[in-house]
Amino acid sequence: MADLHFELVTPERQVMSSDVYMVVIPGTEGESGIMVGHAPYMTTLRDGEIAVFRSAGTQPERIRVTGGFAEISERGLTVLAESAGETPAA
């Protein structure tokens, strides 16, 4: 299966631009798992964590985000967040 192109951007910088297996986003209506071929839509984000799965069966990289929105299109997933940073390990 082809990879999903994922971009995470804040007003200050591009945090990530990579081809990944799956991304789970914290939408205001609930969490959404996005994979290549997902139907196009837009959603606003709540404060929370984005989980980035670089390949199937791996542990996700978690990135804390504050606000913003996500757009899923034929080009992939773009997240425009108010702020973003790595989540500290527990």
PDB file of N, CA and C in Angstrom:
ATOM      1  N   MET A   1       0.847  -1.180   0.000  1.00  0.00           N
ATOM      2  CA  MET A   1       0.000   0.000   0.000  1.00  0.00           C
ATOM      3  C   MET A   1       0.892   1.243   0.000  1.00  0.00           C
ATOM      4  N   ALA A   2       0.477   2.249  -0.738  1.00  0.00           N
ATOM      5  CA  ALA A   2       1.218   3.516  -0.806  1.00  0.00           C
ATOM      6  C   ALA A   2       1.156   4.240   0.527  1.00  0.00           C
ATOM      7  N   ASP A   3       2.105   5.145   0.725  1.00  0.00           N
ATOM      8  CA  ASP A   3       2.154   5.910   1.965  1.00  0.00           C
ATOM      9  C   ASP A   3       1.319   7.179   1.863  1.00  0.00           C
ATOM     10  N   LEU A   4       0.918   7.683   3.019  1.00  0.00           N
ATOM     11  CA  LEU A   4       0.182   8.934   3.148  1.00  0.00           C
ATOM     12  C   LEU A   4       1.189  10.072   3.307  1.00  0.00           C
ATOM     13  N   HIS A   5       1.042  11.131   2.519  1.00  0.00           N
ATOM     14  CA  HIS A   5       1.911  12.291   2.712  1.00  0.00           C
ATOM     15  C   HIS A   5       1.314  13.136   3.836  1.00  0.00           C
ATOM     16  N   PHE A   6       2.121  13.418   4.875  1.00  0.00           N
ATOM     17  CA  PHE A   6       1.676  14.142   6.066  1.00  0.00           C
ATOM     18  C   PHE A   6       2.543  15.371   6.271  1.00  0.00           C
ATOM     19  N   GLU A   7       1.882  16.512   6.480  1.00  0.00           N
ATOM     20  CA  GLU A   7       2.587  17.749   6.818  1.00  0.00           C
ATOM     21  C   GLU A   7       1.955  18.352   8.062  1.00  0.00           C
ATOM     22  N   LEU A   8       2.811  18.761   8.997  1.00  0.00           N
ATOM     23  CA  LEU A   8       2.392  19.454  10.215  1.00  0.00           C
ATOM     24  C   LEU A   8       3.104  20.794  10.231  1.00  0.00           C
ATOM     25  N   VAL A   9       2.312  21.858  10.269  1.00  0.00           N
ATOM     26  CA  VAL A   9       2.848  23.211  10.173  1.00  0.00           C
ATOM     27  C   VAL A   9       2.258  24.078  11.284  1.00  0.00           C
ATOM     28  N   THR A  10       3.097  24.946  11.862  1.00  0.00           N
ATOM     29  CA  THR A  10       2.646  25.966  12.806  1.00  0.00           C
ATOM     30  C   THR A  10       2.969  27.325  12.187  1.00  0.00           C
ATOM     31  N   PRO A  11       2.502  28.418  12.778  1.00  0.00           N
ATOM     32  CA  PRO A  11       2.862  29.734  12.244  1.00  0.00           C
ATOM     33  C   PRO A  11       4.377  29.983  12.240  1.00  0.00           C
ATOM     34  N   GLU A  12       5.117  29.317  13.114  1.00  0.00           N
ATOM     35  CA  GLU A  12       6.555  29.537  13.224  1.00  0.00           C
ATOM     36  C   GLU A  12       7.393  28.658  12.309  1.00  0.00           C
ATOM     37  N   ARG A  13       6.922  27.416  12.020  1.00  0.00           N
ATOM     38  CA  ARG A  13       7.792  26.492  11.296  1.00  0.00           C
ATOM     39  C   ARG A  13       7.023  25.286  10.760  1.00  0.00           C
ATOM     40  N   GLN A  14       7.691  24.580   9.854  1.00  0.00           N
ATOM     41  CA  GLN A  14       7.192  23.287   9.412  1.00  0.00           C
ATOM     42  C   GLN A  14       7.760  22.253  10.377  1.00  0.00           C
ATOM     43  N   VAL A  15       6.896  21.565  11.092  1.00  0.00           N
ATOM     44  CA  VAL A  15       7.317  20.602  12.105  1.00  0.00           C
ATOM     45  C   VAL A  15       7.666  19.259  11.470  1.00  0.00           C
ATOM     46  N   MET A  16       6.851  18.829  10.495  1.00  0.00           N
ATOM     47  CA  MET A  16       7.091  17.538   9.858  1.00  0.00           C
ATOM     48  C   MET A  16       6.530  17.554   8.440  1.00  0.00           C
ATOM     49  N   SER A  17       7.240  16.914   7.546  1.00  0.00           N
ATOM     50  CA  SER A  17       6.770  16.663   6.185  1.00  0.00           C
ATOM     51  C   SER A  17       7.346  15.316   5.798  1.00  0.00           C
ATOM     52  N   SER A  18       6.485  14.290   5.764  1.00  0.00           N
ATOM     53  CA  SER A  18       6.982  12.938   5.585  1.00  0.00           C
ATOM     54  C   SER A  18       5.886  12.038   5.019  1.00  0.00           C
ATOM     55  N   ASP A  19       6.298  10.965   4.361  1.00  0.00           N
ATOM     56  CA  ASP A  19       5.366   9.934   3.938  1.00  0.00           C
ATOM     57  C   ASP A  19       5.300   8.906   5.064  1.00  0.00           C
ATOM     58  N   VAL A  20       4.079   8.638   5.534  1.00  0.00           N
ATOM     59  CA  VAL A  20       3.872   7.780   6.698  1.00  0.00           C
ATOM     60  C   VAL A  20       2.776   6.758   6.408  1.00  0.00           C
ATOM     61  N   TYR A  21       2.621   5.802   7.309  1.00  0.00           N
ATOM     62  CA  TYR A  21       1.600   4.773   7.177  1.00  0.00           C
ATOM     63  C   TYR A  21       0.225   5.289   7.601  1.00  0.00           C
ATOM     64  N   MET A  22       0.164   5.927   8.793  1.00  0.00           N
ATOM     65  CA  MET A  22      -1.110   6.394   9.339  1.00  0.00           C
ATOM     66  C   MET A  22      -0.854   7.506  10.345  1.00  0.00           C
ATOM     67  N   VAL A  23      -1.833   8.430  10.461  1.00  0.00           N
ATOM     68  CA  VAL A  23      -1.781   9.498  11.448  1.00  0.00           C
ATOM     69  C   VAL A  23      -3.127   9.536  12.166  1.00  0.00           C
ATOM     70  N   VAL A  24      -3.088   9.618  13.492  1.00  0.00           N
ATOM     71  CA  VAL A  24      -4.313   9.767  14.283  1.00  0.00           C
ATOM     72  C   VAL A  24      -4.326  11.201  14.795  1.00  0.00           C
ATOM     73  N   ILE A  25      -5.408  11.938  14.451  1.00  0.00           N
ATOM     74  CA  ILE A  25      -5.515  13.349  14.825  1.00  0.00           C
ATOM     75  C   ILE A  25      -6.614  13.553  15.856  1.00  0.00           C
ATOM     76  N   PRO A  26      -6.437  14.535  16.768  1.00  0.00           N
ATOM     77  CA  PRO A  26      -7.449  14.822  17.789  1.00  0.00           C
ATOM     78  C   PRO A  26      -8.471  15.854  17.281  1.00  0.00           C
ATOM     79  N   GLY A  27      -9.436  15.410  16.511  1.00  0.00           N
ATOM     80  CA  GLY A  27     -10.465  16.314  16.008  1.00  0.00           C
ATOM     81  C   GLY A  27     -11.437  16.724  17.101  1.00  0.00           C
ATOM     82  N   THR A  28     -12.121  17.821  16.908  1.00  0.00           N
ATOM     83  CA  THR A  28     -13.094  18.275  17.907  1.00  0.00           C
ATOM     84  C   THR A  28     -14.277  17.320  18.018  1.00  0.00           C
ATOM     85  N   GLU A  29     -14.527  16.531  16.974  1.00  0.00           N
ATOM     86  CA  GLU A  29     -15.614  15.547  16.989  1.00  0.00           C
ATOM     87  C   GLU A  29     -15.132  14.168  17.426  1.00  0.00           C
ATOM     88  N   GLY A  30     -13.844  14.057  17.753  1.00  0.00           N
ATOM     89  CA  GLY A  30     -13.263  12.781  18.162  1.00  0.00           C
ATOM     90  C   GLY A  30     -11.993  12.502  17.386  1.00  0.00           C
ATOM     91  N   GLU A  31     -11.290  11.448  17.762  1.00  0.00           N
ATOM     92  CA  GLU A  31     -10.050  11.096  17.080  1.00  0.00           C
ATOM     93  C   GLU A  31     -10.352  10.448  15.741  1.00  0.00           C
ATOM     94  N   SER A  32      -9.487  10.738  14.743  1.00  0.00           N
ATOM     95  CA  SER A  32      -9.631  10.158  13.409  1.00  0.00           C
ATOM     96  C   SER A  32      -8.316   9.535  12.991  1.00  0.00           C
ATOM     97  N   GLY A  33      -8.376   8.299  12.526  1.00  0.00           N
ATOM     98  CA  GLY A  33      -7.210   7.636  11.961  1.00  0.00           C
ATOM     99  C   GLY A  33      -7.208   7.868  10.457  1.00  0.00           C
ATOM    100  N   ILE A  34      -6.146   8.472   9.950  1.00  0.00           N
ATOM    101  CA  ILE A  34      -6.069   8.834   8.538  1.00  0.00           C
ATOM    102  C   ILE A  34      -5.008   7.971   7.858  1.00  0.00           C
ATOM    103  N   MET A  35      -5.424   7.303   6.777  1.00  0.00           N
ATOM    104  CA  MET A  35      -4.509   6.505   5.962  1.00  0.00           C
ATOM    105  C   MET A  35      -4.669   6.946   4.511  1.00  0.00           C
ATOM    106  N   VAL A  36      -3.732   6.534   3.651  1.00  0.00           N
ATOM    107  CA  VAL A  36      -3.821   6.878   2.244  1.00  0.00           C
ATOM    108  C   VAL A  36      -5.181   6.412   1.706  1.00  0.00           C
ATOM    109  N   GLY A  37      -5.796   7.226   0.858  1.00  0.00           N
ATOM    110  CA  GLY A  37      -7.091   6.887   0.287  1.00  0.00           C
ATOM    111  C   GLY A  37      -8.280   7.333   1.116  1.00  0.00           C
ATOM    112  N   HIS A  38      -8.033   7.989   2.261  1.00  0.00           N
ATOM    113  CA  HIS A  38      -9.132   8.461   3.111  1.00  0.00           C
ATOM    114  C   HIS A  38      -9.972   9.472   2.343  1.00  0.00           C
ATOM    115  N   ALA A  39     -11.254   9.491   2.598  1.00  0.00           N
ATOM    116  CA  ALA A  39     -12.153  10.454   1.957  1.00  0.00           C
ATOM    117  C   ALA A  39     -11.755  11.876   2.352  1.00  0.00           C
ATOM    118  N   PRO A  40     -11.823  12.813   1.421  1.00  0.00           N
ATOM    119  CA  PRO A  40     -11.469  14.203   1.722  1.00  0.00           C
ATOM    120  C   PRO A  40     -12.444  14.830   2.735  1.00  0.00           C
ATOM    121  N   TYR A  41     -11.890  15.583   3.680  1.00  0.00           N
ATOM    122  CA  TYR A  41     -12.693  16.392   4.590  1.00  0.00           C
ATOM    123  C   TYR A  41     -11.792  17.317   5.383  1.00  0.00           C
ATOM    124  N   MET A  42     -12.409  18.235   6.103  1.00  0.00           N
ATOM    125  CA  MET A  42     -11.680  19.152   6.991  1.00  0.00           C
ATOM    126  C   MET A  42     -12.280  19.042   8.369  1.00  0.00           C
ATOM    127  N   THR A  43     -11.455  19.260   9.382  1.00  0.00           N
ATOM    128  CA  THR A  43     -11.929  19.253  10.756  1.00  0.00           C
ATOM    129  C   THR A  43     -11.093  20.219  11.579  1.00  0.00           C
ATOM    130  N   THR A  44     -11.702  20.771  12.607  1.00  0.00           N
ATOM    131  CA  THR A  44     -10.939  21.570  13.564  1.00  0.00           C
ATOM    132  C   THR A  44     -10.332  20.611  14.580  1.00  0.00           C
ATOM    133  N   LEU A  45      -9.229  21.039  15.191  1.00  0.00           N
ATOM    134  CA  LEU A  45      -8.529  20.208  16.164  1.00  0.00           C
ATOM    135  C   LEU A  45      -8.752  20.712  17.575  1.00  0.00           C
ATOM    136  N   ARG A  46      -8.783  19.782  18.497  1.00  0.00           N
ATOM    137  CA  ARG A  46      -8.757  20.144  19.917  1.00  0.00           C
ATOM    138  C   ARG A  46      -7.324  19.973  20.384  1.00  0.00           C
ATOM    139  N   ASP A  47      -7.002  20.554  21.519  1.00  0.00           N
ATOM    140  CA  ASP A  47      -5.674  20.358  22.092  1.00  0.00           C
ATOM    141  C   ASP A  47      -5.498  18.867  22.389  1.00  0.00           C
ATOM    142  N   GLY A  48      -4.372  18.317  22.002  1.00  0.00           N
ATOM    143  CA  GLY A  48      -4.132  16.891  22.227  1.00  0.00           C
ATOM    144  C   GLY A  48      -2.869  16.439  21.537  1.00  0.00           C
ATOM    145  N   GLU A  49      -2.823  15.153  21.232  1.00  0.00           N
ATOM    146  CA  GLU A  49      -1.645  14.558  20.605  1.00  0.00           C
ATOM    147  C   GLU A  49      -1.978  14.005  19.230  1.00  0.00           C
ATOM    148  N   ILE A  50      -1.064  14.222  18.300  1.00  0.00           N
ATOM    149  CA  ILE A  50      -1.112  13.562  17.007  1.00  0.00           C
ATOM    150  C   ILE A  50      -0.203  12.345  17.132  1.00  0.00           C
ATOM    151  N   ALA A  51      -0.699  11.188  16.687  1.00  0.00           N
ATOM    152  CA  ALA A  51       0.103   9.961  16.697  1.00  0.00           C
ATOM    153  C   ALA A  51       0.492   9.648  15.259  1.00  0.00           C
ATOM    154  N   VAL A  52       1.792   9.617  14.984  1.00  0.00           N
ATOM    155  CA  VAL A  52       2.303   9.381  13.627  1.00  0.00           C
ATOM    156  C   VAL A  52       2.916   7.983  13.589  1.00  0.00           C
ATOM    157  N   PHE A  53       2.317   7.113  12.775  1.00  0.00           N
ATOM    158  CA  PHE A  53       2.820   5.751  12.583  1.00  0.00           C
ATOM    159  C   PHE A  53       3.617   5.741  11.282  1.00  0.00           C
ATOM    160  N   ARG A  54       4.920   5.613  11.384  1.00  0.00           N
ATOM    161  CA  ARG A  54       5.773   5.657  10.186  1.00  0.00           C
ATOM    162  C   ARG A  54       5.619   4.401   9.334  1.00  0.00           C
ATOM    163  N   SER A  55       5.298   3.265   9.952  1.00  0.00           N
ATOM    164  CA  SER A  55       5.018   2.040   9.205  1.00  0.00           C
ATOM    165  C   SER A  55       4.061   1.183  10.031  1.00  0.00           C
ATOM    166  N   ALA A  56       3.459   0.204   9.371  1.00  0.00           N
ATOM    167  CA  ALA A  56       2.482  -0.666  10.037  1.00  0.00           C
ATOM    168  C   ALA A  56       3.153  -1.434  11.171  1.00  0.00           C
ATOM    169  N   GLY A  57       2.462  -1.526  12.302  1.00  0.00           N
ATOM    170  CA  GLY A  57       2.952  -2.321  13.417  1.00  0.00           C
ATOM    171  C   GLY A  57       3.991  -1.665  14.294  1.00  0.00           C
ATOM    172  N   THR A  58       4.320  -0.393  14.034  1.00  0.00           N
ATOM    173  CA  THR A  58       5.326   0.295  14.853  1.00  0.00           C
ATOM    174  C   THR A  58       4.649   1.151  15.912  1.00  0.00           C
ATOM    175  N   GLN A  59       5.417   1.531  16.909  1.00  0.00           N
ATOM    176  CA  GLN A  59       4.929   2.454  17.929  1.00  0.00           C
ATOM    177  C   GLN A  59       4.855   3.858  17.322  1.00  0.00           C
ATOM    178  N   PRO A  60       3.834   4.629  17.686  1.00  0.00           N
ATOM    179  CA  PRO A  60       3.703   5.956  17.092  1.00  0.00           C
ATOM    180  C   PRO A  60       4.648   6.986  17.708  1.00  0.00           C
ATOM    181  N   GLU A  61       5.005   7.947  16.889  1.00  0.00           N
ATOM    182  CA  GLU A  61       5.677   9.150  17.369  1.00  0.00           C
ATOM    183  C   GLU A  61       4.549  10.096  17.764  1.00  0.00           C
ATOM    184  N   ARG A  62       4.600  10.642  18.974  1.00  0.00           N
ATOM    185  CA  ARG A  62       3.515  11.505  19.455  1.00  0.00           C
ATOM    186  C   ARG A  62       3.974  12.960  19.470  1.00  0.00           C
ATOM    187  N   ILE A  63       3.108  13.820  18.932  1.00  0.00           N
ATOM    188  CA  ILE A  63       3.410  15.248  18.861  1.00  0.00           C
ATOM    189  C   ILE A  63       2.226  15.995  19.455  1.00  0.00           C
ATOM    190  N   ARG A  64       2.498  16.769  20.496  1.00  0.00           N
ATOM    191  CA  ARG A  64       1.456  17.548  21.159  1.00  0.00           C
ATOM    192  C   ARG A  64       1.092  18.744  20.272  1.00  0.00           C
ATOM    193  N   VAL A  65      -0.215  18.980  20.089  1.00  0.00           N
ATOM    194  CA  VAL A  65      -0.672  20.131  19.308  1.00  0.00           C
ATOM    195  C   VAL A  65      -1.696  20.925  20.099  1.00  0.00           C
ATOM    196  N   THR A  66      -1.741  22.209  19.790  1.00  0.00           N
ATOM    197  CA  THR A  66      -2.718  23.105  20.387  1.00  0.00           C
ATOM    198  C   THR A  66      -3.509  23.736  19.248  1.00  0.00           C
ATOM    199  N   GLY A  67      -4.806  23.476  19.227  1.00  0.00           N
ATOM    200  CA  GLY A  67      -5.699  24.094  18.255  1.00  0.00           C
ATOM    201  C   GLY A  67      -5.303  23.891  16.809  1.00  0.00           C
ATOM    202  N   GLY A  68      -6.096  24.498  15.925  1.00  0.00           N
ATOM    203  CA  GLY A  68      -5.814  24.458  14.504  1.00  0.00           C
ATOM    204  C   GLY A  68      -6.844  23.650  13.752  1.00  0.00           C
ATOM    205  N   PHE A  69      -6.455  23.207  12.556  1.00  0.00           N
ATOM    206  CA  PHE A  69      -7.350  22.368  11.775  1.00  0.00           C
ATOM    207  C   PHE A  69      -6.557  21.424  10.885  1.00  0.00           C
ATOM    208  N   ALA A  70      -7.267  20.416  10.359  1.00  0.00           N
ATOM    209  CA  ALA A  70      -6.657  19.415   9.492  1.00  0.00           C
ATOM    210  C   ALA A  70      -7.457  19.321   8.202  1.00  0.00           C
ATOM    211  N   GLU A  71      -6.726  19.129   7.104  1.00  0.00           N
ATOM    212  CA  GLU A  71      -7.365  18.933   5.806  1.00  0.00           C
ATOM    213  C   GLU A  71      -6.852  17.639   5.201  1.00  0.00           C
ATOM    214  N   ILE A  72      -7.799  16.767   4.838  1.00  0.00           N
ATOM    215  CA  ILE A  72      -7.467  15.530   4.162  1.00  0.00           C
ATOM    216  C   ILE A  72      -7.910  15.705   2.714  1.00  0.00           C
ATOM    217  N   SER A  73      -6.973  15.501   1.774  1.00  0.00           N
ATOM    218  CA  SER A  73      -7.277  15.655   0.352  1.00  0.00           C
ATOM    219  C   SER A  73      -6.547  14.573  -0.423  1.00  0.00           C
ATOM    220  N   GLU A  74      -6.672  14.611  -1.748  1.00  0.00           N
ATOM    221  CA  GLU A  74      -5.962  13.632  -2.572  1.00  0.00           C
ATOM    222  C   GLU A  74      -4.456  13.796  -2.448  1.00  0.00           C
ATOM    223  N   ARG A  75      -3.983  14.955  -1.967  1.00  0.00           N
ATOM    224  CA  ARG A  75      -2.538  15.188  -1.775  1.00  0.00           C
ATOM    225  C   ARG A  75      -2.030  14.623  -0.452  1.00  0.00           C
ATOM    226  N   GLY A  76      -2.936  14.293   0.473  1.00  0.00           N
ATOM    227  CA  GLY A  76      -2.536  13.762   1.761  1.00  0.00           C
ATOM    228  C   GLY A  76      -3.196  14.500   2.906  1.00  0.00           C
ATOM    229  N   LEU A  77      -2.535  14.524   4.061  1.00  0.00           N
ATOM    230  CA  LEU A  77      -3.037  15.154   5.276  1.00  0.00           C
ATOM    231  C   LEU A  77      -2.159  16.346   5.627  1.00  0.00           C
ATOM    232  N   THR A  78      -2.796  17.509   5.760  1.00  0.00           N
ATOM    233  CA  THR A  78      -2.092  18.708   6.207  1.00  0.00           C
ATOM    234  C   THR A  78      -2.726  19.172   7.505  1.00  0.00           C
ATOM    235  N   VAL A  79      -1.906  19.348   8.534  1.00  0.00           N
ATOM    236  CA  VAL A  79      -2.370  19.866   9.820  1.00  0.00           C
ATOM    237  C   VAL A  79      -1.739  21.237  10.028  1.00  0.00           C
ATOM    238  N   LEU A  80      -2.585  22.237  10.235  1.00  0.00           N
ATOM    239  CA  LEU A  80      -2.134  23.583  10.580  1.00  0.00           C
ATOM    240  C   LEU A  80      -2.505  23.789  12.042  1.00  0.00           C
ATOM    241  N   ALA A  81      -1.495  23.758  12.913  1.00  0.00           N
ATOM    242  CA  ALA A  81      -1.719  23.844  14.353  1.00  0.00           C
ATOM    243  C   ALA A  81      -1.236  25.192  14.887  1.00  0.00           C
ATOM    244  N   GLU A  82      -1.877  25.658  15.958  1.00  0.00           N
ATOM    245  CA  GLU A  82      -1.436  26.895  16.589  1.00  0.00           C
ATOM    246  C   GLU A  82      -0.031  26.719  17.161  1.00  0.00           C
ATOM    247  N   SER A  83       0.218  25.549  17.758  1.00  0.00           N
ATOM    248  CA  SER A  83       1.559  25.226  18.250  1.00  0.00           C
ATOM    249  C   SER A  83       1.710  23.711  18.254  1.00  0.00           C
ATOM    250  N   ALA A  84       2.959  23.248  18.227  1.00  0.00           N
ATOM    251  CA  ALA A  84       3.239  21.802  18.218  1.00  0.00           C
ATOM    252  C   ALA A  84       4.610  21.558  18.826  1.00  0.00           C
ATOM    253  N   GLY A  85       4.723  20.439  19.527  1.00  0.00           N
ATOM    254  CA  GLY A  85       5.996  20.047  20.121  1.00  0.00           C
ATOM    255  C   GLY A  85       5.973  18.599  20.515  1.00  0.00           C
ATOM    256  N   GLU A  86       7.148  18.027  20.665  1.00  0.00           N
ATOM    257  CA  GLU A  86       7.272  16.615  21.063  1.00  0.00           C
ATOM    258  C   GLU A  86       6.641  16.417  22.444  1.00  0.00           C
ATOM    259  N   THR A  87       5.993  15.283  22.620  1.00  0.00           N
ATOM    260  CA  THR A  87       5.438  14.914  23.924  1.00  0.00           C
ATOM    261  C   THR A  87       6.538  14.208  24.711  1.00  0.00           C
ATOM    262  N   PRO A  88       6.815  14.666  25.943  1.00  0.00           N
ATOM    263  CA  PRO A  88       7.864  14.005  26.730  1.00  0.00           C
ATOM    264  C   PRO A  88       7.545  12.545  26.989  1.00  0.00           C
ATOM    265  N   ALA A  89       8.553  11.694  27.024  1.00  0.00           N
ATOM    266  CA  ALA A  89       8.370  10.274  27.314  1.00  0.00           C
ATOM    267  C   ALA A  89       7.953  10.113  28.765  1.00  0.00           C
ATOM    268  N   ALA A  90       7.082   9.141  29.037  1.00  0.00           N
ATOM    269  CA  ALA A  90       6.578   8.902  30.390  1.00  0.00           C
ATOM    270  C   ALA A  90       7.581   8.158  31.219  1.00  0.00           C
TER     271      ALA A  90
END
